[in-house]
Amino acid sequence: KEVVKLLGFWVSQSSMRVEWALRLKGVE
């Protein structure tokens, strides 16, 4: 239940991978 934050860059493929994974798992 700990707070999750992500530092990314809008066009970064690497950042997008992490966002996809978090969203697939339903992690806020």
mmCIF file of all heavy atoms, coordinates in Angstrom:
data_MODEL
# 
_entry.id   MODEL 
# 
loop_
_atom_site.group_PDB 
_atom_site.id 
_atom_site.type_symbol 
_atom_site.label_atom_id 
_atom_site.label_alt_id 
_atom_site.label_comp_id 
_atom_site.label_asym_id 
_atom_site.label_entity_id 
_atom_site.label_seq_id 
_atom_site.pdbx_PDB_ins_code 
_atom_site.Cartn_x 
_atom_site.Cartn_y 
_atom_site.Cartn_z 
_atom_site.occupancy 
_atom_site.B_iso_or_equiv 
_atom_site.pdbx_formal_charge 
_atom_site.auth_seq_id 
_atom_site.auth_comp_id 
_atom_site.auth_asym_id 
_atom_site.auth_atom_id 
_atom_site.pdbx_PDB_model_num 
ATOM 1   N N   . LYS A 1 1  ? 0.822  -1.218 0.000   1.00 0.00 ? 1  LYS A N   1 
ATOM 2   C CA  . LYS A 1 1  ? 0.000  0.000  0.000   1.00 0.00 ? 1  LYS A CA  1 
ATOM 3   C C   . LYS A 1 1  ? 0.850  1.259  0.000   1.00 0.00 ? 1  LYS A C   1 
ATOM 4   O O   . LYS A 1 1  ? 0.332  2.367  0.124   1.00 0.00 ? 1  LYS A O   1 
ATOM 5   C CB  . LYS A 1 1  ? -0.918 -0.007 1.238   1.00 0.00 ? 1  LYS A CB  1 
ATOM 6   C CG  . LYS A 1 1  ? -1.904 -1.169 1.284   1.00 0.00 ? 1  LYS A CG  1 
ATOM 7   C CD  . LYS A 1 1  ? -2.900 -1.107 0.140   1.00 0.00 ? 1  LYS A CD  1 
ATOM 8   C CE  . LYS A 1 1  ? -3.926 -2.231 0.257   1.00 0.00 ? 1  LYS A CE  1 
ATOM 9   N NZ  . LYS A 1 1  ? -4.894 -2.209 -0.880  1.00 0.00 ? 1  LYS A NZ  1 
ATOM 10  N N   . GLU A 1 2  ? 2.157  1.110  -0.115  1.00 0.00 ? 2  GLU A N   1 
ATOM 11  C CA  . GLU A 1 2  ? 3.039  2.270  -0.115  1.00 0.00 ? 2  GLU A CA  1 
ATOM 12  C C   . GLU A 1 2  ? 2.825  3.106  -1.375  1.00 0.00 ? 2  GLU A C   1 
ATOM 13  O O   . GLU A 1 2  ? 2.448  2.586  -2.432  1.00 0.00 ? 2  GLU A O   1 
ATOM 14  C CB  . GLU A 1 2  ? 4.499  1.825  -0.030  1.00 0.00 ? 2  GLU A CB  1 
ATOM 15  C CG  . GLU A 1 2  ? 4.861  1.154  1.292   1.00 0.00 ? 2  GLU A CG  1 
ATOM 16  C CD  . GLU A 1 2  ? 6.283  0.660  1.300   1.00 0.00 ? 2  GLU A CD  1 
ATOM 17  O OE1 . GLU A 1 2  ? 6.571  -0.303 0.582   1.00 0.00 ? 2  GLU A OE1 1 
ATOM 18  O OE2 . GLU A 1 2  ? 7.113  1.249  2.035   1.00 0.00 ? 2  GLU A OE2 1 
ATOM 19  N N   . VAL A 1 3  ? 3.079  4.401  -1.270  1.00 0.00 ? 3  VAL A N   1 
ATOM 20  C CA  . VAL A 1 3  ? 2.898  5.321  -2.386  1.00 0.00 ? 3  VAL A CA  1 
ATOM 21  C C   . VAL A 1 3  ? 3.873  4.981  -3.515  1.00 0.00 ? 3  VAL A C   1 
ATOM 22  O O   . VAL A 1 3  ? 5.047  4.686  -3.273  1.00 0.00 ? 3  VAL A O   1 
ATOM 23  C CB  . VAL A 1 3  ? 3.114  6.778  -1.920  1.00 0.00 ? 3  VAL A CB  1 
ATOM 24  C CG1 . VAL A 1 3  ? 3.098  7.735  -3.109  1.00 0.00 ? 3  VAL A CG1 1 
ATOM 25  C CG2 . VAL A 1 3  ? 2.044  7.167  -0.910  1.00 0.00 ? 3  VAL A CG2 1 
ATOM 26  N N   . VAL A 1 4  ? 3.354  5.021  -4.743  1.00 0.00 ? 4  VAL A N   1 
ATOM 27  C CA  . VAL A 1 4  ? 4.162  4.709  -5.924  1.00 0.00 ? 4  VAL A CA  1 
ATOM 28  C C   . VAL A 1 4  ? 4.272  5.950  -6.795  1.00 0.00 ? 4  VAL A C   1 
ATOM 29  O O   . VAL A 1 4  ? 3.262  6.584  -7.118  1.00 0.00 ? 4  VAL A O   1 
ATOM 30  C CB  . VAL A 1 4  ? 3.537  3.559  -6.745  1.00 0.00 ? 4  VAL A CB  1 
ATOM 31  C CG1 . VAL A 1 4  ? 4.387  3.269  -7.986  1.00 0.00 ? 4  VAL A CG1 1 
ATOM 32  C CG2 . VAL A 1 4  ? 3.391  2.315  -5.892  1.00 0.00 ? 4  VAL A CG2 1 
ATOM 33  N N   . LYS A 1 5  ? 5.507  6.300  -7.168  1.00 0.00 ? 5  LYS A N   1 
ATOM 34  C CA  . LYS A 1 5  ? 5.749  7.429  -8.060  1.00 0.00 ? 5  LYS A CA  1 
ATOM 35  C C   . LYS A 1 5  ? 6.667  6.975  -9.188  1.00 0.00 ? 5  LYS A C   1 
ATOM 36  O O   . LYS A 1 5  ? 7.501  6.091  -8.997  1.00 0.00 ? 5  LYS A O   1 
ATOM 37  C CB  . LYS A 1 5  ? 6.385  8.608  -7.312  1.00 0.00 ? 5  LYS A CB  1 
ATOM 38  C CG  . LYS A 1 5  ? 5.519  9.181  -6.192  1.00 0.00 ? 5  LYS A CG  1 
ATOM 39  C CD  . LYS A 1 5  ? 6.215  10.350 -5.509  1.00 0.00 ? 5  LYS A CD  1 
ATOM 40  C CE  . LYS A 1 5  ? 5.372  10.912 -4.373  1.00 0.00 ? 5  LYS A CE  1 
ATOM 41  N NZ  . LYS A 1 5  ? 6.036  12.057 -3.707  1.00 0.00 ? 5  LYS A NZ  1 
ATOM 42  N N   . LEU A 1 6  ? 6.494  7.606  -10.338 1.00 0.00 ? 6  LEU A N   1 
ATOM 43  C CA  . LEU A 1 6  ? 7.328  7.267  -11.491 1.00 0.00 ? 6  LEU A CA  1 
ATOM 44  C C   . LEU A 1 6  ? 7.848  8.529  -12.149 1.00 0.00 ? 6  LEU A C   1 
ATOM 45  O O   . LEU A 1 6  ? 7.070  9.397  -12.548 1.00 0.00 ? 6  LEU A O   1 
ATOM 46  C CB  . LEU A 1 6  ? 6.530  6.456  -12.515 1.00 0.00 ? 6  LEU A CB  1 
ATOM 47  C CG  . LEU A 1 6  ? 7.230  6.176  -13.852 1.00 0.00 ? 6  LEU A CG  1 
ATOM 48  C CD1 . LEU A 1 6  ? 8.458  5.294  -13.641 1.00 0.00 ? 6  LEU A CD1 1 
ATOM 49  C CD2 . LEU A 1 6  ? 6.270  5.551  -14.853 1.00 0.00 ? 6  LEU A CD2 1 
ATOM 50  N N   . LEU A 1 7  ? 9.167  8.631  -12.239 1.00 0.00 ? 7  LEU A N   1 
ATOM 51  C CA  . LEU A 1 7  ? 9.788  9.705  -13.007 1.00 0.00 ? 7  LEU A CA  1 
ATOM 52  C C   . LEU A 1 7  ? 10.002 9.199  -14.422 1.00 0.00 ? 7  LEU A C   1 
ATOM 53  O O   . LEU A 1 7  ? 10.631 8.154  -14.632 1.00 0.00 ? 7  LEU A O   1 
ATOM 54  C CB  . LEU A 1 7  ? 11.147 10.100 -12.404 1.00 0.00 ? 7  LEU A CB  1 
ATOM 55  C CG  . LEU A 1 7  ? 11.155 11.124 -11.255 1.00 0.00 ? 7  LEU A CG  1 
ATOM 56  C CD1 . LEU A 1 7  ? 10.505 10.534 -10.002 1.00 0.00 ? 7  LEU A CD1 1 
ATOM 57  C CD2 . LEU A 1 7  ? 12.584 11.558 -10.943 1.00 0.00 ? 7  LEU A CD2 1 
ATOM 58  N N   . GLY A 1 8  ? 9.451  9.918  -15.402 1.00 0.00 ? 8  GLY A N   1 
ATOM 59  C CA  . GLY A 1 8  ? 9.560  9.485  -16.781 1.00 0.00 ? 8  GLY A CA  1 
ATOM 60  C C   . GLY A 1 8  ? 9.666  10.648 -17.737 1.00 0.00 ? 8  GLY A C   1 
ATOM 61  O O   . GLY A 1 8  ? 9.677  11.815 -17.329 1.00 0.00 ? 8  GLY A O   1 
ATOM 62  N N   . PHE A 1 9  ? 9.741  10.310 -18.994 1.00 0.00 ? 9  PHE A N   1 
ATOM 63  C CA  . PHE A 1 9  ? 9.807  11.296 -20.074 1.00 0.00 ? 9  PHE A CA  1 
ATOM 64  C C   . PHE A 1 9  ? 8.772  10.886 -21.112 1.00 0.00 ? 9  PHE A C   1 
ATOM 65  O O   . PHE A 1 9  ? 8.695  9.707  -21.468 1.00 0.00 ? 9  PHE A O   1 
ATOM 66  C CB  . PHE A 1 9  ? 11.217 11.327 -20.671 1.00 0.00 ? 9  PHE A CB  1 
ATOM 67  C CG  . PHE A 1 9  ? 11.412 12.310 -21.790 1.00 0.00 ? 9  PHE A CG  1 
ATOM 68  C CD1 . PHE A 1 9  ? 11.109 13.648 -21.615 1.00 0.00 ? 9  PHE A CD1 1 
ATOM 69  C CD2 . PHE A 1 9  ? 11.916 11.903 -23.025 1.00 0.00 ? 9  PHE A CD2 1 
ATOM 70  C CE1 . PHE A 1 9  ? 11.297 14.571 -22.642 1.00 0.00 ? 9  PHE A CE1 1 
ATOM 71  C CE2 . PHE A 1 9  ? 12.112 12.803 -24.054 1.00 0.00 ? 9  PHE A CE2 1 
ATOM 72  C CZ  . PHE A 1 9  ? 11.798 14.146 -23.862 1.00 0.00 ? 9  PHE A CZ  1 
ATOM 73  N N   . TRP A 1 10 ? 7.981  11.803 -21.602 1.00 0.00 ? 10 TRP A N   1 
ATOM 74  C CA  . TRP A 1 10 ? 6.769  11.507 -22.353 1.00 0.00 ? 10 TRP A CA  1 
ATOM 75  C C   . TRP A 1 10 ? 6.979  10.579 -23.554 1.00 0.00 ? 10 TRP A C   1 
ATOM 76  O O   . TRP A 1 10 ? 6.117  9.780  -23.899 1.00 0.00 ? 10 TRP A O   1 
ATOM 77  C CB  . TRP A 1 10 ? 6.101  12.811 -22.816 1.00 0.00 ? 10 TRP A CB  1 
ATOM 78  C CG  . TRP A 1 10 ? 6.883  13.547 -23.887 1.00 0.00 ? 10 TRP A CG  1 
ATOM 79  C CD1 . TRP A 1 10 ? 7.897  14.441 -23.679 1.00 0.00 ? 10 TRP A CD1 1 
ATOM 80  C CD2 . TRP A 1 10 ? 6.730  13.439 -25.290 1.00 0.00 ? 10 TRP A CD2 1 
ATOM 81  N NE1 . TRP A 1 10 ? 8.383  14.902 -24.873 1.00 0.00 ? 10 TRP A NE1 1 
ATOM 82  C CE2 . TRP A 1 10 ? 7.676  14.310 -25.895 1.00 0.00 ? 10 TRP A CE2 1 
ATOM 83  C CE3 . TRP A 1 10 ? 5.876  12.713 -26.131 1.00 0.00 ? 10 TRP A CE3 1 
ATOM 84  C CZ2 . TRP A 1 10 ? 7.801  14.462 -27.274 1.00 0.00 ? 10 TRP A CZ2 1 
ATOM 85  C CZ3 . TRP A 1 10 ? 5.997  12.850 -27.504 1.00 0.00 ? 10 TRP A CZ3 1 
ATOM 86  C CH2 . TRP A 1 10 ? 6.933  13.717 -28.070 1.00 0.00 ? 10 TRP A CH2 1 
ATOM 87  N N   . VAL A 1 11 ? 8.153  10.654 -24.200 1.00 0.00 ? 11 VAL A N   1 
ATOM 88  C CA  . VAL A 1 11 ? 8.377  9.867  -25.411 1.00 0.00 ? 11 VAL A CA  1 
ATOM 89  C C   . VAL A 1 11 ? 9.310  8.668  -25.153 1.00 0.00 ? 11 VAL A C   1 
ATOM 90  O O   . VAL A 1 11 ? 9.613  7.919  -26.072 1.00 0.00 ? 11 VAL A O   1 
ATOM 91  C CB  . VAL A 1 11 ? 8.945  10.772 -26.533 1.00 0.00 ? 11 VAL A CB  1 
ATOM 92  C CG1 . VAL A 1 11 ? 10.432 11.048 -26.298 1.00 0.00 ? 11 VAL A CG1 1 
ATOM 93  C CG2 . VAL A 1 11 ? 8.703  10.183 -27.915 1.00 0.00 ? 11 VAL A CG2 1 
ATOM 94  N N   . SER A 1 12 ? 9.715  8.481  -23.914 1.00 0.00 ? 12 SER A N   1 
ATOM 95  C CA  . SER A 1 12 ? 10.650 7.409  -23.567 1.00 0.00 ? 12 SER A CA  1 
ATOM 96  C C   . SER A 1 12 ? 9.973  6.039  -23.622 1.00 0.00 ? 12 SER A C   1 
ATOM 97  O O   . SER A 1 12 ? 9.002  5.790  -22.917 1.00 0.00 ? 12 SER A O   1 
ATOM 98  C CB  . SER A 1 12 ? 11.215 7.644  -22.158 1.00 0.00 ? 12 SER A CB  1 
ATOM 99  O OG  . SER A 1 12 ? 11.831 6.487  -21.657 1.00 0.00 ? 12 SER A OG  1 
ATOM 100 N N   . GLN A 1 13 ? 10.537 5.149  -24.445 1.00 0.00 ? 13 GLN A N   1 
ATOM 101 C CA  . GLN A 1 13 ? 10.008 3.793  -24.516 1.00 0.00 ? 13 GLN A CA  1 
ATOM 102 C C   . GLN A 1 13 ? 10.143 3.091  -23.169 1.00 0.00 ? 13 GLN A C   1 
ATOM 103 O O   . GLN A 1 13 ? 9.257  2.349  -22.745 1.00 0.00 ? 13 GLN A O   1 
ATOM 104 C CB  . GLN A 1 13 ? 10.746 2.962  -25.569 1.00 0.00 ? 13 GLN A CB  1 
ATOM 105 C CG  . GLN A 1 13 ? 10.874 3.602  -26.927 1.00 0.00 ? 13 GLN A CG  1 
ATOM 106 C CD  . GLN A 1 13 ? 12.225 4.261  -27.117 1.00 0.00 ? 13 GLN A CD  1 
ATOM 107 O OE1 . GLN A 1 13 ? 12.485 5.302  -26.556 1.00 0.00 ? 13 GLN A OE1 1 
ATOM 108 N NE2 . GLN A 1 13 ? 13.095 3.647  -27.917 1.00 0.00 ? 13 GLN A NE2 1 
ATOM 109 N N   . SER A 1 14 ? 11.266 3.319  -22.498 1.00 0.00 ? 14 SER A N   1 
ATOM 110 C CA  . SER A 1 14 ? 11.522 2.668  -21.213 1.00 0.00 ? 14 SER A CA  1 
ATOM 111 C C   . SER A 1 14 ? 10.517 3.109  -20.156 1.00 0.00 ? 14 SER A C   1 
ATOM 112 O O   . SER A 1 14 ? 10.016 2.296  -19.371 1.00 0.00 ? 14 SER A O   1 
ATOM 113 C CB  . SER A 1 14 ? 12.950 2.973  -20.744 1.00 0.00 ? 14 SER A CB  1 
ATOM 114 O OG  . SER A 1 14 ? 13.897 2.480  -21.668 1.00 0.00 ? 14 SER A OG  1 
ATOM 115 N N   . SER A 1 15 ? 10.213 4.410  -20.133 1.00 0.00 ? 15 SER A N   1 
ATOM 116 C CA  . SER A 1 15 ? 9.219  4.912  -19.183 1.00 0.00 ? 15 SER A CA  1 
ATOM 117 C C   . SER A 1 15 ? 7.840  4.330  -19.481 1.00 0.00 ? 15 SER A C   1 
ATOM 118 O O   . SER A 1 15 ? 7.092  3.958  -18.572 1.00 0.00 ? 15 SER A O   1 
ATOM 119 C CB  . SER A 1 15 ? 9.148  6.444  -19.250 1.00 0.00 ? 15 SER A CB  1 
ATOM 120 O OG  . SER A 1 15 ? 10.372 7.024  -18.882 1.00 0.00 ? 15 SER A OG  1 
ATOM 121 N N   . MET A 1 16 ? 7.517  4.242  -20.769 1.00 0.00 ? 16 MET A N   1 
ATOM 122 C CA  . MET A 1 16 ? 6.206  3.744  -21.152 1.00 0.00 ? 16 MET A CA  1 
ATOM 123 C C   . MET A 1 16 ? 6.020  2.288  -20.761 1.00 0.00 ? 16 MET A C   1 
ATOM 124 O O   . MET A 1 16 ? 4.934  1.867  -20.356 1.00 0.00 ? 16 MET A O   1 
ATOM 125 C CB  . MET A 1 16 ? 6.010  3.922  -22.656 1.00 0.00 ? 16 MET A CB  1 
ATOM 126 C CG  . MET A 1 16 ? 4.560  3.783  -23.121 1.00 0.00 ? 16 MET A CG  1 
ATOM 127 S SD  . MET A 1 16 ? 3.451  4.985  -22.347 1.00 0.00 ? 16 MET A SD  1 
ATOM 128 C CE  . MET A 1 16 ? 4.116  6.526  -22.970 1.00 0.00 ? 16 MET A CE  1 
ATOM 129 N N   . ARG A 1 17 ? 7.083  1.502  -20.868 1.00 0.00 ? 17 ARG A N   1 
ATOM 130 C CA  . ARG A 1 17 ? 7.002  0.103  -20.443 1.00 0.00 ? 17 ARG A CA  1 
ATOM 131 C C   . ARG A 1 17 ? 6.555  -0.007 -18.988 1.00 0.00 ? 17 ARG A C   1 
ATOM 132 O O   . ARG A 1 17 ? 5.723  -0.843 -18.635 1.00 0.00 ? 17 ARG A O   1 
ATOM 133 C CB  . ARG A 1 17 ? 8.373  -0.569 -20.593 1.00 0.00 ? 17 ARG A CB  1 
ATOM 134 C CG  . ARG A 1 17 ? 8.811  -0.823 -22.004 1.00 0.00 ? 17 ARG A CG  1 
ATOM 135 C CD  . ARG A 1 17 ? 10.279 -1.219 -22.027 1.00 0.00 ? 17 ARG A CD  1 
ATOM 136 N NE  . ARG A 1 17 ? 10.767 -1.452 -23.385 1.00 0.00 ? 17 ARG A NE  1 
ATOM 137 C CZ  . ARG A 1 17 ? 12.024 -1.380 -23.750 1.00 0.00 ? 17 ARG A CZ  1 
ATOM 138 N NH1 . ARG A 1 17 ? 12.949 -1.065 -22.848 1.00 0.00 ? 17 ARG A NH1 1 
ATOM 139 N NH2 . ARG A 1 17 ? 12.392 -1.618 -24.995 1.00 0.00 ? 17 ARG A NH2 1 
ATOM 140 N N   . VAL A 1 18 ? 7.133  0.836  -18.139 1.00 0.00 ? 18 VAL A N   1 
ATOM 141 C CA  . VAL A 1 18 ? 6.805  0.797  -16.716 1.00 0.00 ? 18 VAL A CA  1 
ATOM 142 C C   . VAL A 1 18 ? 5.350  1.209  -16.494 1.00 0.00 ? 18 VAL A C   1 
ATOM 143 O O   . VAL A 1 18 ? 4.627  0.587  -15.706 1.00 0.00 ? 18 VAL A O   1 
ATOM 144 C CB  . VAL A 1 18 ? 7.756  1.705  -15.916 1.00 0.00 ? 18 VAL A CB  1 
ATOM 145 C CG1 . VAL A 1 18 ? 7.367  1.731  -14.445 1.00 0.00 ? 18 VAL A CG1 1 
ATOM 146 C CG2 . VAL A 1 18 ? 9.199  1.237  -16.075 1.00 0.00 ? 18 VAL A CG2 1 
ATOM 147 N N   . GLU A 1 19 ? 4.904  2.234  -17.204 1.00 0.00 ? 19 GLU A N   1 
ATOM 148 C CA  . GLU A 1 19 ? 3.508  2.661  -17.064 1.00 0.00 ? 19 GLU A CA  1 
ATOM 149 C C   . GLU A 1 19 ? 2.550  1.572  -17.519 1.00 0.00 ? 19 GLU A C   1 
ATOM 150 O O   . GLU A 1 19 ? 1.517  1.330  -16.879 1.00 0.00 ? 19 GLU A O   1 
ATOM 151 C CB  . GLU A 1 19 ? 3.270  3.951  -17.866 1.00 0.00 ? 19 GLU A CB  1 
ATOM 152 C CG  . GLU A 1 19 ? 3.949  5.176  -17.281 1.00 0.00 ? 19 GLU A CG  1 
ATOM 153 C CD  . GLU A 1 19 ? 3.250  6.465  -17.671 1.00 0.00 ? 19 GLU A CD  1 
ATOM 154 O OE1 . GLU A 1 19 ? 2.169  6.758  -17.128 1.00 0.00 ? 19 GLU A OE1 1 
ATOM 155 O OE2 . GLU A 1 19 ? 3.799  7.173  -18.535 1.00 0.00 ? 19 GLU A OE2 1 
ATOM 156 N N   . TRP A 1 20 ? 2.873  0.906  -18.623 1.00 0.00 ? 20 TRP A N   1 
ATOM 157 C CA  . TRP A 1 20 ? 2.020  -0.193 -19.092 1.00 0.00 ? 20 TRP A CA  1 
ATOM 158 C C   . TRP A 1 20 ? 1.903  -1.279 -18.029 1.00 0.00 ? 20 TRP A C   1 
ATOM 159 O O   . TRP A 1 20 ? 0.809  -1.782 -17.761 1.00 0.00 ? 20 TRP A O   1 
ATOM 160 C CB  . TRP A 1 20 ? 2.600  -0.791 -20.377 1.00 0.00 ? 20 TRP A CB  1 
ATOM 161 C CG  . TRP A 1 20 ? 2.451  0.071  -21.591 1.00 0.00 ? 20 TRP A CG  1 
ATOM 162 C CD1 . TRP A 1 20 ? 1.531  1.061  -21.802 1.00 0.00 ? 20 TRP A CD1 1 
ATOM 163 C CD2 . TRP A 1 20 ? 3.263  0.035  -22.768 1.00 0.00 ? 20 TRP A CD2 1 
ATOM 164 N NE1 . TRP A 1 20 ? 1.722  1.651  -23.032 1.00 0.00 ? 20 TRP A NE1 1 
ATOM 165 C CE2 . TRP A 1 20 ? 2.763  1.031  -23.641 1.00 0.00 ? 20 TRP A CE2 1 
ATOM 166 C CE3 . TRP A 1 20 ? 4.348  -0.731 -23.169 1.00 0.00 ? 20 TRP A CE3 1 
ATOM 167 C CZ2 . TRP A 1 20 ? 3.317  1.263  -24.905 1.00 0.00 ? 20 TRP A CZ2 1 
ATOM 168 C CZ3 . TRP A 1 20 ? 4.916  -0.507 -24.416 1.00 0.00 ? 20 TRP A CZ3 1 
ATOM 169 C CH2 . TRP A 1 20 ? 4.411  0.478  -25.268 1.00 0.00 ? 20 TRP A CH2 1 
ATOM 170 N N   . ALA A 1 21 ? 3.026  -1.644 -17.432 1.00 0.00 ? 21 ALA A N   1 
ATOM 171 C CA  . ALA A 1 21 ? 3.021  -2.698 -16.416 1.00 0.00 ? 21 ALA A CA  1 
ATOM 172 C C   . ALA A 1 21 ? 2.185  -2.300 -15.207 1.00 0.00 ? 21 ALA A C   1 
ATOM 173 O O   . ALA A 1 21 ? 1.380  -3.098 -14.698 1.00 0.00 ? 21 ALA A O   1 
ATOM 174 C CB  . ALA A 1 21 ? 4.455  -3.020 -15.985 1.00 0.00 ? 21 ALA A CB  1 
ATOM 175 N N   . LEU A 1 22 ? 2.357  -1.077 -14.734 1.00 0.00 ? 22 LEU A N   1 
ATOM 176 C CA  . LEU A 1 22 ? 1.585  -0.602 -13.588 1.00 0.00 ? 22 LEU A CA  1 
ATOM 177 C C   . LEU A 1 22 ? 0.091  -0.591 -13.902 1.00 0.00 ? 22 LEU A C   1 
ATOM 178 O O   . LEU A 1 22 ? -0.743 -0.991 -13.074 1.00 0.00 ? 22 LEU A O   1 
ATOM 179 C CB  . LEU A 1 22 ? 2.051  0.799  -13.177 1.00 0.00 ? 22 LEU A CB  1 
ATOM 180 C CG  . LEU A 1 22 ? 3.449  0.900  -12.563 1.00 0.00 ? 22 LEU A CG  1 
ATOM 181 C CD1 . LEU A 1 22 ? 3.874  2.362  -12.441 1.00 0.00 ? 22 LEU A CD1 1 
ATOM 182 C CD2 . LEU A 1 22 ? 3.500  0.223  -11.197 1.00 0.00 ? 22 LEU A CD2 1 
ATOM 183 N N   . ARG A 1 23 ? -0.264 -0.168 -15.093 1.00 0.00 ? 23 ARG A N   1 
ATOM 184 C CA  . ARG A 1 23 ? -1.663 -0.094 -15.485 1.00 0.00 ? 23 ARG A CA  1 
ATOM 185 C C   . ARG A 1 23 ? -2.275 -1.477 -15.667 1.00 0.00 ? 23 ARG A C   1 
ATOM 186 O O   . ARG A 1 23 ? -3.431 -1.706 -15.301 1.00 0.00 ? 23 ARG A O   1 
ATOM 187 C CB  . ARG A 1 23 ? -1.803 0.729  -16.774 1.00 0.00 ? 23 ARG A CB  1 
ATOM 188 C CG  . ARG A 1 23 ? -1.623 2.219  -16.551 1.00 0.00 ? 23 ARG A CG  1 
ATOM 189 C CD  . ARG A 1 23 ? -1.450 3.003  -17.839 1.00 0.00 ? 23 ARG A CD  1 
ATOM 190 N NE  . ARG A 1 23 ? -1.390 4.425  -17.565 1.00 0.00 ? 23 ARG A NE  1 
ATOM 191 C CZ  . ARG A 1 23 ? -2.425 5.252  -17.687 1.00 0.00 ? 23 ARG A CZ  1 
ATOM 192 N NH1 . ARG A 1 23 ? -3.594 4.815  -18.097 1.00 0.00 ? 23 ARG A NH1 1 
ATOM 193 N NH2 . ARG A 1 23 ? -2.286 6.544  -17.407 1.00 0.00 ? 23 ARG A NH2 1 
ATOM 194 N N   . LEU A 1 24 ? -1.517 -2.394 -16.237 1.00 0.00 ? 24 LEU A N   1 
ATOM 195 C CA  . LEU A 1 24 ? -2.021 -3.760 -16.393 1.00 0.00 ? 24 LEU A CA  1 
ATOM 196 C C   . LEU A 1 24 ? -2.317 -4.396 -15.037 1.00 0.00 ? 24 LEU A C   1 
ATOM 197 O O   . LEU A 1 24 ? -3.264 -5.177 -14.905 1.00 0.00 ? 24 LEU A O   1 
ATOM 198 C CB  . LEU A 1 24 ? -1.003 -4.610 -17.155 1.00 0.00 ? 24 LEU A CB  1 
ATOM 199 C CG  . LEU A 1 24 ? -0.919 -4.357 -18.667 1.00 0.00 ? 24 LEU A CG  1 
ATOM 200 C CD1 . LEU A 1 24 ? 0.347  -4.990 -19.236 1.00 0.00 ? 24 LEU A CD1 1 
ATOM 201 C CD2 . LEU A 1 24 ? -2.148 -4.892 -19.391 1.00 0.00 ? 24 LEU A CD2 1 
ATOM 202 N N   . LYS A 1 25 ? -1.529 -4.050 -14.043 1.00 0.00 ? 25 LYS A N   1 
ATOM 203 C CA  . LYS A 1 25 ? -1.722 -4.602 -12.714 1.00 0.00 ? 25 LYS A CA  1 
ATOM 204 C C   . LYS A 1 25 ? -2.690 -3.781 -11.855 1.00 0.00 ? 25 LYS A C   1 
ATOM 205 O O   . LYS A 1 25 ? -3.003 -4.172 -10.734 1.00 0.00 ? 25 LYS A O   1 
ATOM 206 C CB  . LYS A 1 25 ? -0.365 -4.712 -11.999 1.00 0.00 ? 25 LYS A CB  1 
ATOM 207 C CG  . LYS A 1 25 ? 0.489  -5.876 -12.518 1.00 0.00 ? 25 LYS A CG  1 
ATOM 208 C CD  . LYS A 1 25 ? 1.797  -5.965 -11.782 1.00 0.00 ? 25 LYS A CD  1 
ATOM 209 C CE  . LYS A 1 25 ? 2.561  -7.224 -12.178 1.00 0.00 ? 25 LYS A CE  1 
ATOM 210 N NZ  . LYS A 1 25 ? 2.021  -8.455 -11.572 1.00 0.00 ? 25 LYS A NZ  1 
ATOM 211 N N   . GLY A 1 26 ? -3.136 -2.646 -12.388 1.00 0.00 ? 26 GLY A N   1 
ATOM 212 C CA  . GLY A 1 26 ? -4.078 -1.818 -11.643 1.00 0.00 ? 26 GLY A CA  1 
ATOM 213 C C   . GLY A 1 26 ? -3.457 -1.093 -10.466 1.00 0.00 ? 26 GLY A C   1 
ATOM 214 O O   . GLY A 1 26 ? -4.135 -0.813 -9.471  1.00 0.00 ? 26 GLY A O   1 
ATOM 215 N N   . VAL A 1 27 ? -2.164 -0.784 -10.565 1.00 0.00 ? 27 VAL A N   1 
ATOM 216 C CA  . VAL A 1 27 ? -1.457 -0.093 -9.479  1.00 0.00 ? 27 VAL A CA  1 
ATOM 217 C C   . VAL A 1 27 ? -1.570 1.415  -9.680  1.00 0.00 ? 27 VAL A C   1 
ATOM 218 O O   . VAL A 1 27 ? -1.223 1.934  -10.741 1.00 0.00 ? 27 VAL A O   1 
ATOM 219 C CB  . VAL A 1 27 ? 0.033  -0.495 -9.443  1.00 0.00 ? 27 VAL A CB  1 
ATOM 220 C CG1 . VAL A 1 27 ? 0.776  0.275  -8.352  1.00 0.00 ? 27 VAL A CG1 1 
ATOM 221 C CG2 . VAL A 1 27 ? 0.178  -1.995 -9.236  1.00 0.00 ? 27 VAL A CG2 1 
ATOM 222 N N   . GLU A 1 28 ? -2.050 2.104  -8.662  1.00 0.00 ? 28 GLU A N   1 
ATOM 223 C CA  . GLU A 1 28 ? -2.134 3.563  -8.737  1.00 0.00 ? 28 GLU A CA  1 
ATOM 224 C C   . GLU A 1 28 ? -0.748 4.170  -8.528  1.00 0.00 ? 28 GLU A C   1 
ATOM 225 O O   . GLU A 1 28 ? 0.007  3.714  -7.671  1.00 0.00 ? 28 GLU A O   1 
ATOM 226 C CB  . GLU A 1 28 ? -3.099 4.091  -7.674  1.00 0.00 ? 28 GLU A CB  1 
ATOM 227 C CG  . GLU A 1 28 ? -4.555 3.695  -7.918  1.00 0.00 ? 28 GLU A CG  1 
ATOM 228 C CD  . GLU A 1 28 ? -5.497 4.361  -6.932  1.00 0.00 ? 28 GLU A CD  1 
ATOM 229 O OE1 . GLU A 1 28 ? -5.030 5.203  -6.130  1.00 0.00 ? 28 GLU A OE1 1 
ATOM 230 O OE2 . GLU A 1 28 ? -6.699 4.038  -6.966  1.00 0.00 ? 28 GLU A OE2 1 
# 
